[in-house]
Amino acid sequence: MSNIENKKNSKRSAKEWEEEVNRWRASGLPMEAYCRQHELTSHRLGYYKRKQDAIKEVETASFAQVSLEPSPASEGLNLRLPSGHIIDGISKDNLAVVSALVGALS
């Protein structure tokens, strides 16, 4: 590689390297062969390829939708009091009653 070509490649912008990576991918050539043909250093093209891959990975990441269904064995919360009493099936619908019961048992 000539000094002129080497300087030209080192002064490319990230956008220009991104376009070069796209041209390499479209060529179907192995990276080493493409770089020899175009007088590029494979480590620099490889750097921008990895950078581009990382960006695409982040862009395609997503959250999966999850739905929670209560299991038949779990009918609300359970509360074990210091006295040994256990209150099963606590839910938002019976919270006032449970609160009164805890108050009476404490």
N, C-alpha and C. Protein backbone atom coordinates (compact mmCIF):
# COMPACT_ATOMS: atom_id res chain seq x y z
N MET A 1 0.86 -1.17 0.00
CA MET A 1 0.00 0.00 0.00
C MET A 1 0.90 1.22 0.00
N SER A 2 0.59 2.20 -0.83
CA SER A 2 1.41 3.40 -0.90
C SER A 2 1.11 4.30 0.28
N ASN A 3 2.06 5.21 0.57
CA ASN A 3 1.86 6.17 1.67
C ASN A 3 0.66 7.06 1.40
N ILE A 4 0.47 7.45 0.14
CA ILE A 4 -0.67 8.31 -0.21
C ILE A 4 -1.98 7.59 0.09
N GLU A 5 -2.08 6.34 -0.34
CA GLU A 5 -3.30 5.57 -0.10
C GLU A 5 -3.50 5.35 1.39
N ASN A 6 -2.41 5.07 2.12
CA ASN A 6 -2.49 4.85 3.56
C ASN A 6 -3.00 6.10 4.27
N LYS A 7 -2.50 7.26 3.90
CA LYS A 7 -2.95 8.51 4.51
C LYS A 7 -4.43 8.77 4.17
N LYS A 8 -4.78 8.49 2.92
CA LYS A 8 -6.17 8.70 2.48
C LYS A 8 -7.11 7.83 3.32
N ASN A 9 -6.75 6.57 3.55
CA ASN A 9 -7.60 5.67 4.32
C ASN A 9 -7.67 6.07 5.78
N SER A 10 -6.60 6.56 6.34
CA SER A 10 -6.60 6.90 7.76
C SER A 10 -7.40 8.17 8.03
N LYS A 11 -7.65 8.99 6.99
CA LYS A 11 -8.39 10.23 7.17
C LYS A 11 -9.87 10.08 6.83
N ARG A 12 -10.31 8.88 6.57
CA ARG A 12 -11.73 8.67 6.26
C ARG A 12 -12.56 8.90 7.51
N SER A 13 -13.77 9.39 7.29
CA SER A 13 -14.69 9.58 8.41
C SER A 13 -15.34 8.24 8.76
N ALA A 14 -15.97 8.20 9.91
CA ALA A 14 -16.66 6.99 10.33
C ALA A 14 -17.76 6.63 9.32
N LYS A 15 -18.42 7.64 8.79
CA LYS A 15 -19.48 7.42 7.80
C LYS A 15 -18.90 6.77 6.53
N GLU A 16 -17.73 7.26 6.11
CA GLU A 16 -17.09 6.69 4.92
C GLU A 16 -16.70 5.23 5.16
N TRP A 17 -16.23 4.93 6.36
CA TRP A 17 -15.88 3.55 6.68
C TRP A 17 -17.13 2.68 6.75
N GLU A 18 -18.22 3.24 7.25
CA GLU A 18 -19.48 2.49 7.28
C GLU A 18 -19.90 2.13 5.86
N GLU A 19 -19.75 3.08 4.94
CA GLU A 19 -20.10 2.81 3.54
C GLU A 19 -19.16 1.77 2.95
N GLU A 20 -17.87 1.81 3.33
CA GLU A 20 -16.90 0.83 2.85
C GLU A 20 -17.26 -0.57 3.35
N VAL A 21 -17.68 -0.66 4.61
CA VAL A 21 -18.11 -1.95 5.16
C VAL A 21 -19.30 -2.47 4.37
N ASN A 22 -20.24 -1.59 4.05
CA ASN A 22 -21.41 -2.01 3.26
C ASN A 22 -20.99 -2.49 1.88
N ARG A 23 -20.03 -1.80 1.25
CA ARG A 23 -19.55 -2.24 -0.07
C ARG A 23 -18.87 -3.60 0.04
N TRP A 24 -18.07 -3.81 1.10
CA TRP A 24 -17.42 -5.10 1.30
C TRP A 24 -18.46 -6.21 1.47
N ARG A 25 -19.48 -5.95 2.32
CA ARG A 25 -20.52 -6.96 2.53
C ARG A 25 -21.21 -7.31 1.21
N ALA A 26 -21.50 -6.29 0.41
CA ALA A 26 -22.20 -6.51 -0.86
C ALA A 26 -21.32 -7.26 -1.86
N SER A 27 -20.00 -7.14 -1.72
CA SER A 27 -19.09 -7.78 -2.67
C SER A 27 -19.09 -9.30 -2.55
N GLY A 28 -19.36 -9.81 -1.37
CA GLY A 28 -19.33 -11.26 -1.16
C GLY A 28 -17.93 -11.81 -1.01
N LEU A 29 -16.93 -10.96 -1.06
CA LEU A 29 -15.54 -11.41 -0.93
C LEU A 29 -15.16 -11.57 0.54
N PRO A 30 -14.19 -12.46 0.80
CA PRO A 30 -13.63 -12.48 2.15
C PRO A 30 -12.97 -11.12 2.44
N MET A 31 -12.96 -10.71 3.69
CA MET A 31 -12.45 -9.40 4.05
C MET A 31 -11.02 -9.18 3.56
N GLU A 32 -10.17 -10.18 3.75
CA GLU A 32 -8.76 -10.05 3.33
C GLU A 32 -8.65 -9.77 1.83
N ALA A 33 -9.41 -10.49 1.02
CA ALA A 33 -9.37 -10.32 -0.44
C ALA A 33 -9.88 -8.94 -0.83
N TYR A 34 -10.98 -8.52 -0.21
CA TYR A 34 -11.54 -7.20 -0.50
C TYR A 34 -10.52 -6.10 -0.16
N CYS A 35 -9.90 -6.25 0.99
CA CYS A 35 -8.94 -5.24 1.42
C CYS A 35 -7.73 -5.18 0.49
N ARG A 36 -7.26 -6.34 0.02
CA ARG A 36 -6.14 -6.35 -0.93
C ARG A 36 -6.54 -5.64 -2.22
N GLN A 37 -7.74 -5.94 -2.71
CA GLN A 37 -8.22 -5.33 -3.97
C GLN A 37 -8.34 -3.82 -3.85
N HIS A 38 -8.75 -3.34 -2.67
CA HIS A 38 -9.03 -1.92 -2.50
C HIS A 38 -7.96 -1.19 -1.69
N GLU A 39 -6.84 -1.88 -1.48
CA GLU A 39 -5.71 -1.32 -0.75
C GLU A 39 -6.12 -0.75 0.61
N LEU A 40 -6.82 -1.58 1.35
CA LEU A 40 -7.27 -1.21 2.70
C LEU A 40 -6.59 -2.12 3.71
N THR A 41 -6.52 -1.67 4.94
CA THR A 41 -6.01 -2.54 5.99
C THR A 41 -7.20 -3.29 6.59
N SER A 42 -7.05 -4.59 6.70
CA SER A 42 -8.17 -5.41 7.17
C SER A 42 -8.51 -5.12 8.63
N HIS A 43 -7.51 -4.73 9.43
CA HIS A 43 -7.83 -4.46 10.84
C HIS A 43 -8.71 -3.22 10.97
N ARG A 44 -8.51 -2.24 10.10
CA ARG A 44 -9.35 -1.04 10.18
C ARG A 44 -10.76 -1.33 9.68
N LEU A 45 -10.88 -2.05 8.57
CA LEU A 45 -12.20 -2.42 8.07
C LEU A 45 -12.91 -3.32 9.08
N GLY A 46 -12.16 -4.22 9.69
CA GLY A 46 -12.72 -5.10 10.72
C GLY A 46 -13.22 -4.32 11.93
N TYR A 47 -12.47 -3.28 12.30
CA TYR A 47 -12.89 -2.42 13.43
C TYR A 47 -14.25 -1.79 13.14
N TYR A 48 -14.41 -1.22 11.96
CA TYR A 48 -15.68 -0.57 11.63
C TYR A 48 -16.80 -1.59 11.39
N LYS A 49 -16.46 -2.78 10.95
CA LYS A 49 -17.46 -3.84 10.83
C LYS A 49 -17.99 -4.21 12.21
N ARG A 50 -17.09 -4.41 13.18
CA ARG A 50 -17.52 -4.75 14.54
C ARG A 50 -18.34 -3.62 15.15
N LYS A 51 -17.93 -2.40 14.88
CA LYS A 51 -18.67 -1.24 15.39
C LYS A 51 -20.07 -1.21 14.79
N GLN A 52 -20.17 -1.43 13.50
CA GLN A 52 -21.47 -1.45 12.81
C GLN A 52 -22.33 -2.59 13.33
N ASP A 53 -21.74 -3.76 13.55
CA ASP A 53 -22.49 -4.91 14.08
C ASP A 53 -23.03 -4.61 15.47
N ALA A 54 -22.22 -3.96 16.31
CA ALA A 54 -22.65 -3.63 17.67
C ALA A 54 -23.82 -2.66 17.65
N ILE A 55 -23.77 -1.68 16.76
CA ILE A 55 -24.86 -0.71 16.66
C ILE A 55 -26.14 -1.41 16.21
N LYS A 56 -26.02 -2.30 15.21
CA LYS A 56 -27.21 -3.01 14.71
C LYS A 56 -27.79 -3.91 15.80
N GLU A 57 -26.92 -4.50 16.61
CA GLU A 57 -27.39 -5.37 17.70
C GLU A 57 -28.20 -4.56 18.71
N VAL A 58 -27.72 -3.37 19.04
CA VAL A 58 -28.45 -2.51 19.98
C VAL A 58 -29.76 -2.05 19.37
N GLU A 59 -29.74 -1.70 18.09
CA GLU A 59 -30.95 -1.21 17.43
C GLU A 59 -32.03 -2.28 17.34
N THR A 60 -31.63 -3.54 17.25
CA THR A 60 -32.61 -4.60 17.10
C THR A 60 -33.02 -5.23 18.43
N ALA A 61 -32.38 -4.82 19.51
CA ALA A 61 -32.74 -5.35 20.82
C ALA A 61 -34.14 -4.86 21.20
N SER A 62 -34.88 -5.71 21.86
CA SER A 62 -36.22 -5.30 22.27
C SER A 62 -36.63 -6.08 23.51
N PHE A 63 -37.71 -5.65 24.10
CA PHE A 63 -38.26 -6.33 25.25
C PHE A 63 -39.32 -7.31 24.78
N ALA A 64 -39.41 -8.41 25.45
CA ALA A 64 -40.46 -9.38 25.15
C ALA A 64 -41.65 -9.09 26.05
N GLN A 65 -42.84 -9.21 25.49
CA GLN A 65 -44.03 -9.00 26.28
C GLN A 65 -44.27 -10.23 27.15
N VAL A 66 -44.53 -9.98 28.41
CA VAL A 66 -44.74 -11.06 29.37
C VAL A 66 -46.08 -10.85 30.04
N SER A 67 -46.82 -11.91 30.17
CA SER A 67 -48.06 -11.81 30.93
C SER A 67 -47.95 -12.76 32.12
N LEU A 68 -48.35 -12.27 33.27
CA LEU A 68 -48.28 -13.06 34.48
C LEU A 68 -49.67 -13.56 34.83
N GLU A 69 -49.75 -14.83 35.07
CA GLU A 69 -51.01 -15.42 35.48
C GLU A 69 -50.77 -16.09 36.82
N PRO A 70 -51.68 -15.88 37.76
CA PRO A 70 -51.49 -16.52 39.06
C PRO A 70 -51.56 -18.03 38.92
N SER A 71 -50.71 -18.71 39.64
CA SER A 71 -50.76 -20.16 39.61
C SER A 71 -51.86 -20.63 40.55
N PRO A 72 -52.43 -21.77 40.29
CA PRO A 72 -53.53 -22.26 41.14
C PRO A 72 -53.12 -22.42 42.60
N ALA A 73 -51.85 -22.72 42.84
CA ALA A 73 -51.39 -22.92 44.21
C ALA A 73 -51.24 -21.60 44.95
N SER A 74 -51.17 -20.50 44.22
CA SER A 74 -50.94 -19.21 44.85
C SER A 74 -52.20 -18.35 44.76
N GLU A 75 -52.95 -18.30 45.83
CA GLU A 75 -54.15 -17.48 45.88
C GLU A 75 -53.89 -16.27 46.76
N GLY A 76 -53.03 -15.38 46.34
CA GLY A 76 -52.70 -14.19 47.11
C GLY A 76 -51.47 -14.39 47.98
N LEU A 77 -51.23 -13.42 48.83
CA LEU A 77 -50.07 -13.46 49.71
C LEU A 77 -50.36 -14.23 50.98
N ASN A 78 -49.30 -14.68 51.63
CA ASN A 78 -49.40 -15.34 52.93
C ASN A 78 -48.65 -14.50 53.94
N LEU A 79 -49.16 -14.44 55.13
CA LEU A 79 -48.52 -13.68 56.20
C LEU A 79 -48.40 -14.57 57.43
N ARG A 80 -47.19 -14.71 57.95
CA ARG A 80 -46.96 -15.48 59.17
C ARG A 80 -46.66 -14.48 60.28
N LEU A 81 -47.48 -14.47 61.29
CA LEU A 81 -47.32 -13.54 62.41
C LEU A 81 -46.35 -14.12 63.45
N PRO A 82 -45.71 -13.25 64.24
CA PRO A 82 -44.80 -13.75 65.27
C PRO A 82 -45.47 -14.74 66.24
N SER A 83 -46.78 -14.64 66.38
CA SER A 83 -47.51 -15.54 67.29
C SER A 83 -47.65 -16.95 66.70
N GLY A 84 -47.30 -17.09 65.42
CA GLY A 84 -47.44 -18.38 64.76
C GLY A 84 -48.66 -18.48 63.88
N HIS A 85 -49.56 -17.53 63.98
CA HIS A 85 -50.75 -17.53 63.13
C HIS A 85 -50.33 -17.26 61.67
N ILE A 86 -51.02 -17.90 60.76
CA ILE A 86 -50.77 -17.70 59.32
C ILE A 86 -52.06 -17.23 58.68
N ILE A 87 -51.95 -16.16 57.91
CA ILE A 87 -53.10 -15.65 57.16
C ILE A 87 -52.79 -15.89 55.68
N ASP A 88 -53.61 -16.69 55.03
CA ASP A 88 -53.44 -17.02 53.60
C ASP A 88 -54.42 -16.24 52.75
N GLY A 89 -54.08 -16.07 51.50
CA GLY A 89 -55.00 -15.50 50.52
C GLY A 89 -55.19 -14.00 50.62
N ILE A 90 -54.15 -13.29 51.03
CA ILE A 90 -54.25 -11.83 51.13
C ILE A 90 -54.23 -11.24 49.72
N SER A 91 -55.21 -10.39 49.44
CA SER A 91 -55.25 -9.70 48.15
C SER A 91 -55.71 -8.27 48.38
N LYS A 92 -55.71 -7.48 47.33
CA LYS A 92 -56.15 -6.09 47.47
C LYS A 92 -57.63 -6.00 47.83
N ASP A 93 -58.39 -7.06 47.50
CA ASP A 93 -59.82 -7.06 47.79
C ASP A 93 -60.13 -7.26 49.29
N ASN A 94 -59.22 -7.93 50.01
CA ASN A 94 -59.50 -8.19 51.43
C ASN A 94 -58.47 -7.55 52.37
N LEU A 95 -57.76 -6.58 51.87
CA LEU A 95 -56.69 -5.95 52.65
C LEU A 95 -57.22 -5.28 53.92
N ALA A 96 -58.38 -4.65 53.87
CA ALA A 96 -58.93 -3.98 55.06
C ALA A 96 -59.25 -5.01 56.15
N VAL A 97 -59.81 -6.15 55.74
CA VAL A 97 -60.14 -7.20 56.70
C VAL A 97 -58.86 -7.78 57.30
N VAL A 98 -57.85 -8.02 56.46
CA VAL A 98 -56.59 -8.57 56.95
C VAL A 98 -55.93 -7.60 57.91
N SER A 99 -55.97 -6.32 57.58
CA SER A 99 -55.38 -5.30 58.46
C SER A 99 -56.05 -5.32 59.82
N ALA A 100 -57.37 -5.40 59.86
CA ALA A 100 -58.11 -5.46 61.13
C ALA A 100 -57.79 -6.74 61.90
N LEU A 101 -57.65 -7.85 61.19
CA LEU A 101 -57.32 -9.13 61.80
C LEU A 101 -55.93 -9.12 62.41
N VAL A 102 -54.97 -8.56 61.69
CA VAL A 102 -53.60 -8.44 62.21
C VAL A 102 -53.60 -7.57 63.45
N GLY A 103 -54.35 -6.49 63.41
CA GLY A 103 -54.44 -5.62 64.58
C GLY A 103 -55.02 -6.35 65.79
N ALA A 104 -56.01 -7.18 65.56
CA ALA A 104 -56.65 -7.93 66.66
C ALA A 104 -55.74 -9.03 67.18
N LEU A 105 -54.93 -9.64 66.31
CA LEU A 105 -54.07 -10.74 66.74
C LEU A 105 -52.74 -10.26 67.34
N SER A 106 -52.39 -9.02 67.13
CA SER A 106 -51.09 -8.53 67.62
C SER A 106 -51.15 -8.14 69.08
